[in-house]
């Protein structure tokens, strides 16, 4: 059993100032609760940050299992935090970037894909 919270918010890209719509989904055990006002406030405080930093802030504040998605310059970005079955860095972080029909995993190739589309 669990509680799942979904919220959409906007942030400006620190690189070029474009407005990006984000969607966050936070799942916590049923014995936990998150005040929705806190989620809304967290989104408003992330008004000018990179996707990965936003994901870190939400995870640090709310924990649980989180998925944050955004679409920027034709690139779909999905960042996950709190999934134990992920083997990457500290076992809490994955990122997948989809450009057209090609999927890039977190790491150098994902960073290069983001930079190429941002030009």
C-alpha atoms as a PDB file:
ATOM      1  CA  UNK A   1       0.000   0.000   0.000  1.00  0.00           C
ATOM      2  CA  UNK A   2       1.229   3.463  -0.821  1.00  0.00           C
ATOM      3  CA  UNK A   3       0.306   7.101  -1.361  1.00  0.00           C
ATOM      4  CA  UNK A   4       1.155   8.688  -4.708  1.00  0.00           C
ATOM      5  CA  UNK A   5       1.254  12.437  -5.300  1.00  0.00           C
ATOM      6  CA  UNK A   6       1.414  13.997  -8.782  1.00  0.00           C
ATOM      7  CA  UNK A   7       2.114  17.649  -9.499  1.00  0.00           C
ATOM      8  CA  UNK A   8       2.981  19.815 -12.522  1.00  0.00           C
ATOM      9  CA  UNK A   9       5.038  22.980 -12.245  1.00  0.00           C
ATOM     10  CA  UNK A  10       7.224  25.265 -14.345  1.00  0.00           C
ATOM     11  CA  UNK A  11      10.886  26.231 -14.137  1.00  0.00           C
ATOM     12  CA  UNK A  12      13.166  28.304 -16.326  1.00  0.00           C
ATOM     13  CA  UNK A  13      16.186  26.679 -17.911  1.00  0.00           C
ATOM     14  CA  UNK A  14      19.304  28.319 -16.387  1.00  0.00           C
ATOM     15  CA  UNK A  15      21.071  27.811 -19.718  1.00  0.00           C
ATOM     16  CA  UNK A  16      18.689  29.739 -21.992  1.00  0.00           C
ATOM     17  CA  UNK A  17      15.756  31.011 -19.896  1.00  0.00           C
ATOM     18  CA  UNK A  18      13.111  28.895 -21.657  1.00  0.00           C
ATOM     19  CA  UNK A  19      10.125  27.859 -19.555  1.00  0.00           C
ATOM     20  CA  UNK A  20       9.911  24.090 -19.041  1.00  0.00           C
ATOM     21  CA  UNK A  21       6.906  22.191 -17.702  1.00  0.00           C
ATOM     22  CA  UNK A  22       7.812  19.479 -15.195  1.00  0.00           C
ATOM     23  CA  UNK A  23       5.709  16.641 -13.838  1.00  0.00           C
ATOM     24  CA  UNK A  24       6.672  14.983 -10.571  1.00  0.00           C
ATOM     25  CA  UNK A  25       5.272  11.769  -9.127  1.00  0.00           C
ATOM     26  CA  UNK A  26       6.150  10.898  -5.531  1.00  0.00           C
ATOM     27  CA  UNK A  27       5.205   7.555  -3.991  1.00  0.00           C
ATOM     28  CA  UNK A  28       5.575   6.934  -0.265  1.00  0.00           C
ATOM     29  CA  UNK A  29       4.394   4.136   2.030  1.00  0.00           C
ATOM     30  CA  UNK A  30       0.720   4.321   3.060  1.00  0.00           C
ATOM     31  CA  UNK A  31       1.848   5.091   6.603  1.00  0.00           C
ATOM     32  CA  UNK A  32       3.422   8.352   5.388  1.00  0.00           C
ATOM     33  CA  UNK A  33       1.790  11.511   4.156  1.00  0.00           C
ATOM     34  CA  UNK A  34       3.068  14.611   2.421  1.00  0.00           C
ATOM     35  CA  UNK A  35       1.250  17.910   2.687  1.00  0.00           C
ATOM     36  CA  UNK A  36       0.258  18.904  -0.843  1.00  0.00           C
ATOM     37  CA  UNK A  37       1.064  22.528  -0.015  1.00  0.00           C
ATOM     38  CA  UNK A  38       4.667  21.475   0.597  1.00  0.00           C
ATOM     39  CA  UNK A  39       4.856  19.854  -2.848  1.00  0.00           C
ATOM     40  CA  UNK A  40       3.430  22.976  -4.503  1.00  0.00           C
ATOM     41  CA  UNK A  41       5.878  25.197  -2.613  1.00  0.00           C
ATOM     42  CA  UNK A  42       8.827  22.969  -3.561  1.00  0.00           C
ATOM     43  CA  UNK A  43       7.878  23.330  -7.218  1.00  0.00           C
ATOM     44  CA  UNK A  44       7.690  27.117  -6.911  1.00  0.00           C
ATOM     45  CA  UNK A  45      11.107  27.252  -5.242  1.00  0.00           C
ATOM     46  CA  UNK A  46      12.620  25.466  -8.265  1.00  0.00           C
ATOM     47  CA  UNK A  47      11.946  28.400 -10.579  1.00  0.00           C
ATOM     48  CA  UNK A  48      15.399  28.465 -12.227  1.00  0.00           C
ATOM     49  CA  UNK A  49      17.255  25.150 -11.974  1.00  0.00           C
ATOM     50  CA  UNK A  50      18.510  22.227 -14.021  1.00  0.00           C
ATOM     51  CA  UNK A  51      16.357  19.088 -14.133  1.00  0.00           C
ATOM     52  CA  UNK A  52      18.782  16.982 -12.079  1.00  0.00           C
ATOM     53  CA  UNK A  53      19.005  19.614  -9.317  1.00  0.00           C
ATOM     54  CA  UNK A  54      15.214  19.819  -9.140  1.00  0.00           C
ATOM     55  CA  UNK A  55      15.058  16.027  -8.772  1.00  0.00           C
ATOM     56  CA  UNK A  56      17.674  16.137  -5.998  1.00  0.00           C
ATOM     57  CA  UNK A  57      15.767  18.854  -4.116  1.00  0.00           C
ATOM     58  CA  UNK A  58      12.470  16.964  -4.273  1.00  0.00           C
ATOM     59  CA  UNK A  59      14.127  13.727  -3.191  1.00  0.00           C
ATOM     60  CA  UNK A  60      15.989  15.388  -0.314  1.00  0.00           C
ATOM     61  CA  UNK A  61      12.755  16.967   0.920  1.00  0.00           C
ATOM     62  CA  UNK A  62      10.204  14.181   0.390  1.00  0.00           C
ATOM     63  CA  UNK A  63      12.094  10.897  -0.067  1.00  0.00           C
ATOM     64  CA  UNK A  64      10.072   7.946  -1.322  1.00  0.00           C
ATOM     65  CA  UNK A  65      10.233   6.896  -4.946  1.00  0.00           C
ATOM     66  CA  UNK A  66      10.121   9.760  -7.417  1.00  0.00           C
ATOM     67  CA  UNK A  67       9.898  10.248 -11.148  1.00  0.00           C
ATOM     68  CA  UNK A  68      10.314  13.727 -12.635  1.00  0.00           C
ATOM     69  CA  UNK A  69       9.722  14.271 -16.344  1.00  0.00           C
ATOM     70  CA  UNK A  70      10.126  17.263 -18.633  1.00  0.00           C
ATOM     71  CA  UNK A  71      10.275  18.085 -22.338  1.00  0.00           C
ATOM     72  CA  UNK A  72      12.959  20.578 -23.395  1.00  0.00           C
ATOM     73  CA  UNK A  73      14.253  21.385 -26.902  1.00  0.00           C
ATOM     74  CA  UNK A  74      12.611  18.260 -28.296  1.00  0.00           C
ATOM     75  CA  UNK A  75      14.200  16.065 -25.618  1.00  0.00           C
ATOM     76  CA  UNK A  76      12.122  14.054 -23.142  1.00  0.00           C
ATOM     77  CA  UNK A  77      13.935  13.785 -19.812  1.00  0.00           C
ATOM     78  CA  UNK A  78      12.976  11.339 -17.056  1.00  0.00           C
ATOM     79  CA  UNK A  79      14.834  11.316 -13.762  1.00  0.00           C
ATOM     80  CA  UNK A  80      14.219   8.738 -11.015  1.00  0.00           C
ATOM     81  CA  UNK A  81      15.145   8.827  -7.361  1.00  0.00           C
ATOM     82  CA  UNK A  82      14.637   6.269  -4.585  1.00  0.00           C
ATOM     83  CA  UNK A  83      14.423   3.052  -6.595  1.00  0.00           C
ATOM     84  CA  UNK A  84      16.514   0.340  -4.912  1.00  0.00           C
ATOM     85  CA  UNK A  85      16.761  -1.885  -7.970  1.00  0.00           C
ATOM     86  CA  UNK A  86      18.746   0.728  -9.908  1.00  0.00           C
ATOM     87  CA  UNK A  87      22.495   0.216 -10.192  1.00  0.00           C
ATOM     88  CA  UNK A  88      24.003   3.621 -10.830  1.00  0.00           C
ATOM     89  CA  UNK A  89      26.258   5.815  -8.732  1.00  0.00           C
ATOM     90  CA  UNK A  90      24.600   5.602  -5.299  1.00  0.00           C
ATOM     91  CA  UNK A  91      21.693   3.316  -6.333  1.00  0.00           C
ATOM     92  CA  UNK A  92      19.247   6.232  -6.170  1.00  0.00           C
ATOM     93  CA  UNK A  93      19.752   7.900  -9.528  1.00  0.00           C
ATOM     94  CA  UNK A  94      18.897   7.093 -13.121  1.00  0.00           C
ATOM     95  CA  UNK A  95      18.227   9.269 -16.097  1.00  0.00           C
ATOM     96  CA  UNK A  96      17.028   8.426 -19.546  1.00  0.00           C
ATOM     97  CA  UNK A  97      17.000  10.905 -22.435  1.00  0.00           C
ATOM     98  CA  UNK A  98      14.927  10.187 -25.545  1.00  0.00           C
ATOM     99  CA  UNK A  99      15.727  12.075 -28.745  1.00  0.00           C
ATOM    100  CA  UNK A 100      13.459  10.992 -31.576  1.00  0.00           C
ATOM    101  CA  UNK A 101      13.586   7.197 -31.594  1.00  0.00           C
ATOM    102  CA  UNK A 102      16.944   6.966 -29.790  1.00  0.00           C
ATOM    103  CA  UNK A 103      17.238   6.399 -26.030  1.00  0.00           C
ATOM    104  CA  UNK A 104      20.349   7.513 -24.157  1.00  0.00           C
ATOM    105  CA  UNK A 105      21.073   6.358 -20.607  1.00  0.00           C
ATOM    106  CA  UNK A 106      22.510   8.630 -17.912  1.00  0.00           C
ATOM    107  CA  UNK A 107      26.141   9.373 -18.446  1.00  0.00           C
ATOM    108  CA  UNK A 108      28.277  10.904 -21.121  1.00  0.00           C
ATOM    109  CA  UNK A 109      26.039   9.993 -24.059  1.00  0.00           C
ATOM    110  CA  UNK A 110      22.946  11.493 -22.370  1.00  0.00           C
ATOM    111  CA  UNK A 111      24.836  14.687 -21.563  1.00  0.00           C
ATOM    112  CA  UNK A 112      26.085  14.942 -25.146  1.00  0.00           C
ATOM    113  CA  UNK A 113      22.566  14.377 -26.497  1.00  0.00           C
ATOM    114  CA  UNK A 114      21.210  17.183 -24.311  1.00  0.00           C
ATOM    115  CA  UNK A 115      24.006  19.549 -25.345  1.00  0.00           C
ATOM    116  CA  UNK A 116      23.535  18.756 -29.050  1.00  0.00           C
ATOM    117  CA  UNK A 117      19.796  19.459 -28.974  1.00  0.00           C
ATOM    118  CA  UNK A 118      20.272  22.624 -26.868  1.00  0.00           C
ATOM    119  CA  UNK A 119      22.369  24.366 -29.525  1.00  0.00           C
END
